[in-house]
Amino acid sequence: MSSDPISFDDFLKVDIRVGQIVDAQPFPEARRPAIKLWVDFGPEIGVRKSSAQITKYYEPESLIGRQVVAVVNFPPKQIGPIMSECLVLGVPDEEGEVVLLRPDHDVPGGGRMF
C-alpha cells in the first residue's frame, strides 16, 4: 500500500525528534497491552508522556535509557488515564507486532529528523 505523494513542505510540518526513555511503567488500564513511557527530548522540548503497545518485545525496565524516535507536534491525546504528548514510532514485524525505531548510534536528545 502506497500513500498519496506529499510535498517536502508537508514533510517538514511533521516534527520527528530523538528522545531518551527516562521512565517506563506497565499500563494495565489500557484496552490493549501497553507500556507508559516518559521520553526526554532535551531542554528545548523536555519530557513528554506516551503510551505504546509494545509489550511483545519490550519490558518496561529494559526500555529505560533507550533512544527512540517520536513525533512531538501532534496535539495531546487522552488514552485512558494518561495524556499522550508524543507518538513513539515503530514498524510492524511479520506478525504485526511493533518494533521501535531508534538511531543506530547515540545522538543528542531533541535532534530533529531530516
N, C-alpha and C. Protein backbone atom coordinates (compact mmCIF):
# COMPACT_ATOMS: atom_id res chain seq x y z
N MET A 1 0.85 -1.17 0.00
CA MET A 1 0.00 0.00 0.00
C MET A 1 0.89 1.23 0.00
N SER A 2 0.69 2.08 -0.97
CA SER A 2 1.46 3.31 -1.07
C SER A 2 0.55 4.49 -0.76
N SER A 3 1.11 5.50 -0.14
CA SER A 3 0.35 6.70 0.20
C SER A 3 0.39 7.70 -0.94
N ASP A 4 -0.53 8.67 -0.88
CA ASP A 4 -0.51 9.75 -1.85
C ASP A 4 0.76 10.58 -1.66
N PRO A 5 1.33 11.09 -2.74
CA PRO A 5 2.53 11.92 -2.62
C PRO A 5 2.24 13.19 -1.81
N ILE A 6 3.26 13.64 -1.07
CA ILE A 6 3.18 14.90 -0.35
C ILE A 6 4.36 15.77 -0.79
N SER A 7 4.26 17.05 -0.50
CA SER A 7 5.37 17.94 -0.82
C SER A 7 6.40 17.88 0.30
N PHE A 8 7.60 18.37 0.01
CA PHE A 8 8.63 18.44 1.04
C PHE A 8 8.19 19.36 2.17
N ASP A 9 7.46 20.43 1.84
CA ASP A 9 6.94 21.33 2.87
C ASP A 9 5.98 20.59 3.81
N ASP A 10 5.17 19.67 3.26
CA ASP A 10 4.29 18.86 4.11
C ASP A 10 5.12 17.99 5.06
N PHE A 11 6.17 17.39 4.55
CA PHE A 11 7.05 16.56 5.38
C PHE A 11 7.65 17.38 6.52
N LEU A 12 8.05 18.61 6.23
CA LEU A 12 8.67 19.45 7.26
C LEU A 12 7.70 19.83 8.38
N LYS A 13 6.41 19.72 8.13
CA LYS A 13 5.42 20.02 9.17
C LYS A 13 5.42 18.97 10.28
N VAL A 14 5.88 17.76 9.98
CA VAL A 14 5.91 16.69 10.97
C VAL A 14 7.24 16.80 11.73
N ASP A 15 7.16 17.10 13.02
CA ASP A 15 8.34 17.30 13.84
C ASP A 15 8.72 15.98 14.51
N ILE A 16 9.71 15.29 13.93
CA ILE A 16 10.15 13.99 14.41
C ILE A 16 11.50 14.18 15.10
N ARG A 17 11.55 13.80 16.38
CA ARG A 17 12.75 14.03 17.19
C ARG A 17 13.22 12.75 17.87
N VAL A 18 14.48 12.77 18.28
CA VAL A 18 15.06 11.69 19.07
C VAL A 18 14.92 12.06 20.54
N GLY A 19 14.49 11.08 21.33
CA GLY A 19 14.42 11.26 22.77
C GLY A 19 14.91 10.02 23.47
N GLN A 20 15.16 10.16 24.77
CA GLN A 20 15.61 9.04 25.58
C GLN A 20 14.54 8.70 26.61
N ILE A 21 14.19 7.43 26.67
CA ILE A 21 13.20 6.99 27.65
C ILE A 21 13.81 7.09 29.04
N VAL A 22 13.15 7.90 29.90
CA VAL A 22 13.65 8.10 31.27
C VAL A 22 12.82 7.33 32.29
N ASP A 23 11.62 6.91 31.91
CA ASP A 23 10.79 6.08 32.78
C ASP A 23 9.84 5.28 31.90
N ALA A 24 9.51 4.09 32.34
CA ALA A 24 8.57 3.21 31.63
C ALA A 24 7.86 2.38 32.68
N GLN A 25 6.53 2.34 32.59
CA GLN A 25 5.71 1.64 33.57
C GLN A 25 4.65 0.79 32.87
N PRO A 26 4.27 -0.33 33.46
CA PRO A 26 3.15 -1.10 32.90
C PRO A 26 1.91 -0.21 32.83
N PHE A 27 1.04 -0.51 31.89
CA PHE A 27 -0.20 0.27 31.69
C PHE A 27 -1.38 -0.71 31.71
N PRO A 28 -1.70 -1.26 32.88
CA PRO A 28 -2.75 -2.28 32.96
C PRO A 28 -4.14 -1.75 32.64
N GLU A 29 -4.35 -0.43 32.73
CA GLU A 29 -5.67 0.15 32.43
C GLU A 29 -5.96 0.22 30.93
N ALA A 30 -4.95 0.05 30.10
CA ALA A 30 -5.12 0.15 28.65
C ALA A 30 -6.00 -0.99 28.13
N ARG A 31 -6.76 -0.71 27.07
CA ARG A 31 -7.61 -1.75 26.46
C ARG A 31 -6.77 -2.87 25.86
N ARG A 32 -5.66 -2.50 25.21
CA ARG A 32 -4.73 -3.49 24.67
C ARG A 32 -3.43 -3.36 25.45
N PRO A 33 -2.70 -4.44 25.67
CA PRO A 33 -1.48 -4.37 26.47
C PRO A 33 -0.55 -3.25 25.98
N ALA A 34 -0.10 -2.42 26.92
CA ALA A 34 0.72 -1.27 26.57
C ALA A 34 1.67 -0.93 27.72
N ILE A 35 2.59 -0.03 27.41
CA ILE A 35 3.54 0.48 28.39
C ILE A 35 3.48 2.00 28.35
N LYS A 36 3.45 2.63 29.54
CA LYS A 36 3.52 4.08 29.64
C LYS A 36 4.99 4.49 29.57
N LEU A 37 5.26 5.50 28.75
CA LEU A 37 6.63 5.96 28.54
C LEU A 37 6.76 7.43 28.88
N TRP A 38 7.89 7.80 29.45
CA TRP A 38 8.27 9.20 29.63
C TRP A 38 9.56 9.37 28.85
N VAL A 39 9.53 10.26 27.84
CA VAL A 39 10.65 10.41 26.91
C VAL A 39 11.20 11.83 27.03
N ASP A 40 12.51 11.93 27.26
CA ASP A 40 13.19 13.23 27.38
C ASP A 40 13.74 13.63 26.02
N PHE A 41 13.22 14.75 25.51
CA PHE A 41 13.64 15.27 24.21
C PHE A 41 14.60 16.45 24.35
N GLY A 42 15.27 16.57 25.47
CA GLY A 42 16.24 17.62 25.67
C GLY A 42 15.61 18.90 26.19
N PRO A 43 16.45 19.93 26.44
CA PRO A 43 15.98 21.15 27.11
C PRO A 43 14.94 21.95 26.32
N GLU A 44 14.97 21.90 25.01
CA GLU A 44 14.01 22.68 24.21
C GLU A 44 12.58 22.16 24.36
N ILE A 45 12.41 20.84 24.41
CA ILE A 45 11.08 20.22 24.44
C ILE A 45 10.76 19.63 25.81
N GLY A 46 11.74 19.05 26.47
CA GLY A 46 11.54 18.45 27.78
C GLY A 46 11.01 17.03 27.70
N VAL A 47 10.43 16.58 28.82
CA VAL A 47 9.92 15.21 28.92
C VAL A 47 8.46 15.18 28.48
N ARG A 48 8.14 14.22 27.62
CA ARG A 48 6.77 14.01 27.15
C ARG A 48 6.34 12.60 27.48
N LYS A 49 5.03 12.42 27.76
CA LYS A 49 4.46 11.10 28.06
C LYS A 49 3.87 10.49 26.79
N SER A 50 3.84 9.17 26.79
CA SER A 50 3.21 8.45 25.69
C SER A 50 2.79 7.07 26.19
N SER A 51 1.99 6.41 25.39
CA SER A 51 1.60 5.03 25.63
C SER A 51 1.92 4.26 24.36
N ALA A 52 2.52 3.08 24.52
CA ALA A 52 2.91 2.30 23.35
C ALA A 52 2.52 0.84 23.54
N GLN A 53 1.94 0.27 22.50
CA GLN A 53 1.55 -1.15 22.50
C GLN A 53 2.75 -1.97 22.03
N ILE A 54 3.72 -2.11 22.93
CA ILE A 54 5.00 -2.73 22.58
C ILE A 54 5.37 -3.87 23.52
N THR A 55 4.38 -4.49 24.13
CA THR A 55 4.65 -5.49 25.17
C THR A 55 5.18 -6.82 24.64
N LYS A 56 5.08 -7.07 23.35
CA LYS A 56 5.58 -8.34 22.80
C LYS A 56 7.10 -8.46 22.95
N TYR A 57 7.82 -7.39 22.66
CA TYR A 57 9.28 -7.43 22.65
C TYR A 57 9.96 -6.65 23.77
N TYR A 58 9.20 -5.85 24.52
CA TYR A 58 9.82 -4.95 25.47
C TYR A 58 9.20 -5.07 26.86
N GLU A 59 10.05 -5.01 27.87
CA GLU A 59 9.65 -4.91 29.27
C GLU A 59 9.96 -3.49 29.72
N PRO A 60 9.14 -2.90 30.58
CA PRO A 60 9.38 -1.51 30.98
C PRO A 60 10.82 -1.24 31.43
N GLU A 61 11.37 -2.09 32.28
CA GLU A 61 12.71 -1.81 32.80
C GLU A 61 13.79 -1.86 31.73
N SER A 62 13.57 -2.63 30.66
CA SER A 62 14.58 -2.72 29.59
C SER A 62 14.56 -1.49 28.68
N LEU A 63 13.52 -0.68 28.77
CA LEU A 63 13.39 0.49 27.90
C LEU A 63 14.10 1.73 28.44
N ILE A 64 14.30 1.79 29.74
CA ILE A 64 14.90 2.99 30.34
C ILE A 64 16.32 3.17 29.82
N GLY A 65 16.59 4.38 29.31
CA GLY A 65 17.89 4.71 28.73
C GLY A 65 17.94 4.54 27.22
N ARG A 66 16.95 3.87 26.63
CA ARG A 66 16.93 3.64 25.18
C ARG A 66 16.52 4.91 24.44
N GLN A 67 17.20 5.19 23.34
CA GLN A 67 16.78 6.29 22.48
C GLN A 67 15.70 5.79 21.53
N VAL A 68 14.71 6.65 21.28
CA VAL A 68 13.62 6.34 20.37
C VAL A 68 13.37 7.55 19.48
N VAL A 69 12.58 7.35 18.45
CA VAL A 69 12.19 8.40 17.52
C VAL A 69 10.69 8.61 17.69
N ALA A 70 10.27 9.89 17.75
CA ALA A 70 8.86 10.18 18.01
C ALA A 70 8.42 11.46 17.32
N VAL A 71 7.13 11.53 17.02
CA VAL A 71 6.51 12.76 16.54
C VAL A 71 6.14 13.57 17.77
N VAL A 72 6.59 14.84 17.82
CA VAL A 72 6.35 15.65 19.01
C VAL A 72 5.37 16.79 18.79
N ASN A 73 4.84 16.94 17.57
CA ASN A 73 3.93 18.07 17.35
C ASN A 73 2.49 17.67 17.03
N PHE A 74 2.08 16.45 17.43
CA PHE A 74 0.65 16.12 17.42
C PHE A 74 0.02 16.75 18.65
N PRO A 75 -1.27 17.08 18.61
CA PRO A 75 -1.90 17.58 19.83
C PRO A 75 -1.99 16.45 20.86
N PRO A 76 -1.98 16.78 22.16
CA PRO A 76 -2.12 15.75 23.19
C PRO A 76 -3.41 14.95 22.99
N LYS A 77 -3.34 13.66 23.34
CA LYS A 77 -4.50 12.77 23.17
C LYS A 77 -4.70 11.97 24.45
N GLN A 78 -5.91 11.97 24.95
CA GLN A 78 -6.23 11.21 26.17
C GLN A 78 -6.33 9.73 25.83
N ILE A 79 -5.52 8.92 26.50
CA ILE A 79 -5.56 7.47 26.33
C ILE A 79 -5.78 6.89 27.71
N GLY A 80 -7.04 6.59 28.03
CA GLY A 80 -7.37 6.14 29.38
C GLY A 80 -6.98 7.22 30.36
N PRO A 81 -6.25 6.87 31.43
CA PRO A 81 -5.89 7.86 32.43
C PRO A 81 -4.64 8.68 32.09
N ILE A 82 -4.01 8.43 30.94
CA ILE A 82 -2.79 9.14 30.58
C ILE A 82 -3.05 10.08 29.40
N MET A 83 -2.43 11.27 29.45
CA MET A 83 -2.48 12.20 28.33
C MET A 83 -1.22 11.98 27.51
N SER A 84 -1.38 11.42 26.32
CA SER A 84 -0.24 11.15 25.45
C SER A 84 0.19 12.45 24.79
N GLU A 85 1.48 12.75 24.89
CA GLU A 85 2.01 14.02 24.39
C GLU A 85 2.97 13.86 23.22
N CYS A 86 3.20 12.63 22.79
CA CYS A 86 4.05 12.37 21.62
C CYS A 86 3.69 10.99 21.09
N LEU A 87 4.11 10.70 19.87
CA LEU A 87 3.86 9.40 19.26
C LEU A 87 5.20 8.74 18.99
N VAL A 88 5.54 7.74 19.80
CA VAL A 88 6.77 6.99 19.62
C VAL A 88 6.58 6.09 18.40
N LEU A 89 7.56 6.10 17.51
CA LEU A 89 7.42 5.43 16.22
C LEU A 89 8.00 4.01 16.23
N GLY A 90 7.33 3.15 15.50
CA GLY A 90 7.77 1.77 15.33
C GLY A 90 7.24 1.25 14.01
N VAL A 91 7.67 0.07 13.66
CA VAL A 91 7.20 -0.61 12.45
C VAL A 91 6.77 -2.02 12.82
N PRO A 92 5.83 -2.59 12.07
CA PRO A 92 5.39 -3.96 12.39
C PRO A 92 6.37 -5.01 11.89
N ASP A 93 6.50 -6.07 12.69
CA ASP A 93 7.26 -7.23 12.21
C ASP A 93 6.32 -8.09 11.36
N GLU A 94 6.75 -9.29 10.99
CA GLU A 94 5.94 -10.15 10.13
C GLU A 94 4.64 -10.59 10.78
N GLU A 95 4.54 -10.49 12.11
CA GLU A 95 3.30 -10.85 12.82
C GLU A 95 2.46 -9.63 13.19
N GLY A 96 2.91 -8.44 12.79
CA GLY A 96 2.19 -7.22 13.12
C GLY A 96 2.53 -6.63 14.47
N GLU A 97 3.53 -7.17 15.16
CA GLU A 97 3.96 -6.65 16.46
C GLU A 97 4.92 -5.48 16.25
N VAL A 98 4.83 -4.49 17.14
CA VAL A 98 5.60 -3.26 16.98
C VAL A 98 7.06 -3.44 17.39
N VAL A 99 7.95 -2.98 16.51
CA VAL A 99 9.38 -2.90 16.78
C VAL A 99 9.74 -1.42 16.74
N LEU A 100 10.33 -0.91 17.82
CA LEU A 100 10.62 0.51 17.92
C LEU A 100 11.71 0.96 16.94
N LEU A 101 11.55 2.19 16.44
CA LEU A 101 12.59 2.81 15.63
C LEU A 101 13.54 3.55 16.55
N ARG A 102 14.83 3.48 16.24
CA ARG A 102 15.82 4.19 17.05
C ARG A 102 17.07 4.42 16.22
N PRO A 103 17.85 5.45 16.59
CA PRO A 103 19.12 5.67 15.87
C PRO A 103 20.07 4.51 16.12
N ASP A 104 20.96 4.23 15.17
CA ASP A 104 21.90 3.15 15.39
C ASP A 104 23.18 3.61 16.08
N HIS A 105 23.27 4.92 16.39
CA HIS A 105 24.32 5.50 17.24
C HIS A 105 23.65 6.47 18.18
N ASP A 106 24.21 6.66 19.37
CA ASP A 106 23.67 7.66 20.28
C ASP A 106 23.81 9.04 19.66
N VAL A 107 22.75 9.83 19.77
CA VAL A 107 22.73 11.19 19.25
C VAL A 107 22.16 12.11 20.33
N PRO A 108 22.40 13.41 20.23
CA PRO A 108 21.87 14.32 21.24
C PRO A 108 20.33 14.28 21.29
N GLY A 109 19.79 14.30 22.50
CA GLY A 109 18.33 14.32 22.68
C GLY A 109 17.73 15.56 22.06
N GLY A 110 16.59 15.40 21.42
CA GLY A 110 15.90 16.51 20.78
C GLY A 110 16.30 16.72 19.34
N GLY A 111 17.26 15.96 18.86
CA GLY A 111 17.68 16.12 17.46
C GLY A 111 16.51 15.85 16.51
N ARG A 112 16.34 16.76 15.55
CA ARG A 112 15.24 16.63 14.60
C ARG A 112 15.64 15.78 13.41
N MET A 113 14.73 14.90 13.01
CA MET A 113 14.98 14.06 11.84
C MET A 113 14.93 14.90 10.58
N PHE A 114 15.84 14.61 9.65
CA PHE A 114 15.82 15.25 8.33
C PHE A 114 16.30 14.29 7.29
